Amino acid sequence: MNDLSQTRLWLMRGSFMLLTVLILFFQLLPLETTPRIWAGPDLLLCFAMAWSMRRPEYVPPLALALAFLLADLLLQRPPGLWAMFALMACENLKSRGRSLRDANFAAEWITVGLIILVITVFERLVLGLVLVDLPLLTLTLSELGMTLLFYPLVVAITHFLMGVRKTAPGDLDALGQRV
């Protein structure tokens, strides 16, 4: 039983990294060659937050850091800045996971929305302080809005298709300890 749990743990960790590569692959495809006035959602952040809330052991900090750093490098963002803020946000959600486990989805969505808003503002502040050219505010706001709108869809996909569900009181983790 413990081997099966360890196998599932590593399978889900590998699945998250595969999901990261798949999301980045589709973000890098040149589907539109003209500049857009809106930005799509940050699906990697949505999935990372959803998995961090439901099963924190599936997304260890090192895997999250590597996934977000890879995204920074491939999407030509300042290396490590968004990765640091996203990692801090996911770790914050992991620490709140037990208290939000019994709450309804609206409380989770509001919590995630506030955290995404805070890290977006902090990223813009840091970029402004170091005099880096900021993306247009409309692009940042559209990405923020789309990310918040897509979060329930990502949670539904995570829950129903991927089988990553919230832990119940008394559940055991992969090491056989109570969650």
Protein backbone atom coordinates (compact mmCIF):
# COMPACT_ATOMS: atom_id res chain seq x y z
CA MET A 1 0.00 0.00 0.00
CA ASN A 2 2.82 2.39 0.84
CA ASP A 3 4.57 1.61 -2.48
CA LEU A 4 1.37 2.41 -4.33
CA SER A 5 1.08 5.71 -2.48
CA GLN A 6 4.70 6.59 -3.26
CA THR A 7 4.13 5.62 -6.88
CA ARG A 8 1.05 7.83 -7.11
CA LEU A 9 2.92 10.69 -5.42
CA TRP A 10 5.75 10.62 -7.96
CA LEU A 11 3.33 10.05 -10.83
CA MET A 12 1.39 13.17 -9.87
CA ARG A 13 4.58 15.19 -9.43
CA GLY A 14 5.66 14.11 -12.90
CA SER A 15 2.18 14.92 -14.20
CA PHE A 16 2.48 18.46 -12.88
CA MET A 17 5.80 18.96 -14.63
CA LEU A 18 4.36 17.49 -17.84
CA LEU A 19 1.40 19.85 -17.50
CA THR A 20 3.85 22.73 -17.09
CA VAL A 21 5.67 21.81 -20.30
CA LEU A 22 2.36 21.39 -22.15
CA ILE A 23 1.08 24.81 -21.02
CA LEU A 24 4.36 26.47 -21.98
CA PHE A 25 4.38 24.71 -25.36
CA PHE A 26 0.97 26.13 -26.24
CA GLN A 27 1.92 29.58 -24.96
CA LEU A 28 4.96 29.62 -27.23
CA LEU A 29 3.11 28.57 -30.38
CA PRO A 30 2.96 31.47 -32.86
CA LEU A 31 -0.81 31.38 -33.35
CA GLU A 32 -1.16 35.12 -33.77
CA THR A 33 1.56 37.31 -35.25
CA THR A 34 0.07 40.73 -34.53
CA PRO A 35 0.29 42.32 -31.10
CA ARG A 36 -2.82 41.83 -28.99
CA ILE A 37 -4.48 44.38 -26.75
CA TRP A 38 -5.46 41.71 -24.22
CA ALA A 39 -3.65 38.86 -22.52
CA GLY A 40 -4.84 35.36 -21.74
CA PRO A 41 -4.86 33.71 -18.34
CA ASP A 42 -1.81 32.43 -16.52
CA LEU A 43 -2.87 28.79 -16.56
CA LEU A 44 0.34 27.61 -14.93
CA LEU A 45 -0.36 29.78 -11.90
CA CYS A 46 -3.98 28.57 -11.79
CA PHE A 47 -3.00 24.91 -11.85
CA ALA A 48 -0.20 25.43 -9.34
CA MET A 49 -2.55 27.18 -6.93
CA ALA A 50 -5.31 24.62 -7.38
CA TRP A 51 -2.92 21.73 -6.76
CA SER A 52 -1.32 23.56 -3.82
CA MET A 53 -4.73 23.94 -2.19
CA ARG A 54 -5.85 20.38 -2.81
CA ARG A 55 -2.75 18.21 -2.56
CA PRO A 56 0.32 20.18 -1.46
CA GLU A 57 2.51 17.07 -1.52
CA TYR A 58 2.04 16.83 -5.31
CA VAL A 59 3.74 20.19 -5.87
CA PRO A 60 6.87 20.49 -3.73
CA PRO A 61 8.57 23.89 -3.60
CA LEU A 62 11.45 22.80 -5.82
CA ALA A 63 9.08 21.63 -8.57
CA LEU A 64 7.12 24.87 -8.35
CA ALA A 65 10.29 26.96 -8.47
CA LEU A 66 11.59 25.06 -11.50
CA ALA A 67 8.25 25.30 -13.31
CA PHE A 68 7.90 29.04 -12.76
CA LEU A 69 11.56 29.73 -13.51
CA LEU A 70 11.26 27.79 -16.76
CA ALA A 71 8.18 29.86 -17.58
CA ASP A 72 10.10 33.07 -16.84
CA LEU A 73 12.95 32.06 -19.11
CA LEU A 74 10.82 30.82 -22.00
CA LEU A 75 8.31 33.68 -21.88
CA GLN A 76 11.10 36.29 -21.66
CA ARG A 77 10.09 37.74 -18.32
CA PRO A 78 12.66 38.97 -15.80
CA PRO A 79 14.16 35.67 -14.58
CA GLY A 80 13.07 34.67 -11.13
CA LEU A 81 10.85 37.62 -10.21
CA TRP A 82 7.47 36.12 -11.08
CA ALA A 83 8.79 32.71 -10.04
CA MET A 84 9.58 34.02 -6.57
CA PHE A 85 6.19 35.70 -6.13
CA ALA A 86 4.28 32.70 -7.51
CA LEU A 87 6.23 30.31 -5.27
CA MET A 88 5.51 32.46 -2.22
CA ALA A 89 1.82 32.56 -3.18
CA CYS A 90 1.59 28.78 -3.60
CA GLU A 91 3.39 28.15 -0.32
CA ASN A 92 1.01 30.60 1.37
CA LEU A 93 -1.92 28.64 -0.03
CA LYS A 94 -0.39 25.39 1.17
CA SER A 95 -0.23 26.76 4.70
CA ARG A 96 -3.87 27.89 4.44
CA GLY A 97 -5.02 24.64 2.86
CA ARG A 98 -6.10 22.99 6.07
CA SER A 99 -8.23 25.96 7.15
CA LEU A 100 -9.75 26.34 3.66
CA ARG A 101 -10.38 22.61 3.34
CA ASP A 102 -13.78 22.89 5.02
CA ALA A 103 -14.71 26.24 3.43
CA ASN A 104 -16.82 26.50 0.33
CA PHE A 105 -15.44 27.25 -3.12
CA ALA A 106 -16.32 30.94 -2.94
CA ALA A 107 -13.97 31.44 0.02
CA GLU A 108 -11.20 29.61 -1.85
CA TRP A 109 -11.79 31.67 -5.00
CA ILE A 110 -11.70 34.94 -3.07
CA THR A 111 -8.52 33.91 -1.26
CA VAL A 112 -6.81 32.90 -4.49
CA GLY A 113 -8.02 36.08 -6.20
CA LEU A 114 -6.61 38.30 -3.47
CA ILE A 115 -3.28 36.49 -3.52
CA ILE A 116 -3.03 36.78 -7.32
CA LEU A 117 -3.89 40.47 -7.09
CA VAL A 118 -1.22 41.06 -4.43
CA ILE A 119 1.56 39.28 -6.34
CA THR A 120 0.62 41.09 -9.55
CA VAL A 121 0.82 44.47 -7.81
CA PHE A 122 4.12 43.54 -6.15
CA GLU A 123 5.59 42.44 -9.47
CA ARG A 124 4.65 45.76 -11.11
CA LEU A 125 6.07 47.67 -8.13
CA VAL A 126 9.39 45.84 -8.25
CA LEU A 127 9.65 46.23 -12.02
CA GLY A 128 8.90 49.93 -11.66
CA LEU A 129 11.46 50.38 -8.89
CA VAL A 130 14.26 48.86 -10.95
CA LEU A 131 13.19 50.90 -13.99
CA VAL A 132 12.28 47.98 -16.22
CA ASP A 133 9.80 48.73 -18.98
CA LEU A 134 6.42 47.74 -17.62
CA PRO A 135 3.88 45.93 -19.76
CA LEU A 136 0.81 47.97 -20.56
CA LEU A 137 -1.59 48.21 -17.64
CA THR A 138 -4.40 46.92 -19.85
CA LEU A 139 -2.39 43.77 -20.57
CA THR A 140 -1.68 43.23 -16.88
CA LEU A 141 -5.31 43.81 -15.91
CA SER A 142 -6.63 41.55 -18.67
CA GLU A 143 -4.26 38.77 -17.62
CA LEU A 144 -5.32 39.23 -14.00
CA GLY A 145 -9.01 39.17 -14.89
CA MET A 146 -8.70 36.18 -17.21
CA THR A 147 -6.70 34.26 -14.62
CA LEU A 148 -9.38 34.89 -12.01
CA LEU A 149 -12.14 33.90 -14.44
CA PHE A 150 -10.37 30.71 -15.51
CA TYR A 151 -9.60 29.54 -11.97
CA PRO A 152 -12.98 27.77 -11.47
CA LEU A 153 -12.53 25.96 -14.80
CA VAL A 154 -9.03 24.88 -13.79
CA VAL A 155 -10.36 23.63 -10.44
CA ALA A 156 -13.06 21.64 -12.24
CA ILE A 157 -10.49 20.09 -14.60
CA THR A 158 -8.21 19.37 -11.66
CA HIS A 159 -10.99 17.76 -9.66
CA PHE A 160 -12.93 15.80 -12.27
CA LEU A 161 -10.38 14.95 -14.97
CA MET A 162 -7.10 14.74 -13.04
CA GLY A 163 -8.45 13.36 -9.76
CA VAL A 164 -6.68 15.92 -7.57
CA ARG A 165 -9.24 16.39 -4.82
CA LYS A 166 -9.20 18.20 -1.50
CA THR A 167 -8.02 16.12 1.40
CA ALA A 168 -10.63 15.12 3.91
CA PRO A 169 -9.97 15.12 7.65
CA GLY A 170 -8.27 11.84 8.50
CA ASP A 171 -6.85 11.19 5.03
CA LEU A 172 -3.31 9.86 4.87
CA ASP A 173 -0.55 11.30 2.75
CA ALA A 174 1.93 9.23 0.75
CA LEU A 175 4.07 8.64 3.85
CA GLY A 176 1.12 7.29 5.85
CA GLN A 177 0.75 10.33 8.08
CA ARG A 178 -2.53 12.13 8.70
CA VAL A 179 -3.12 15.19 6.60
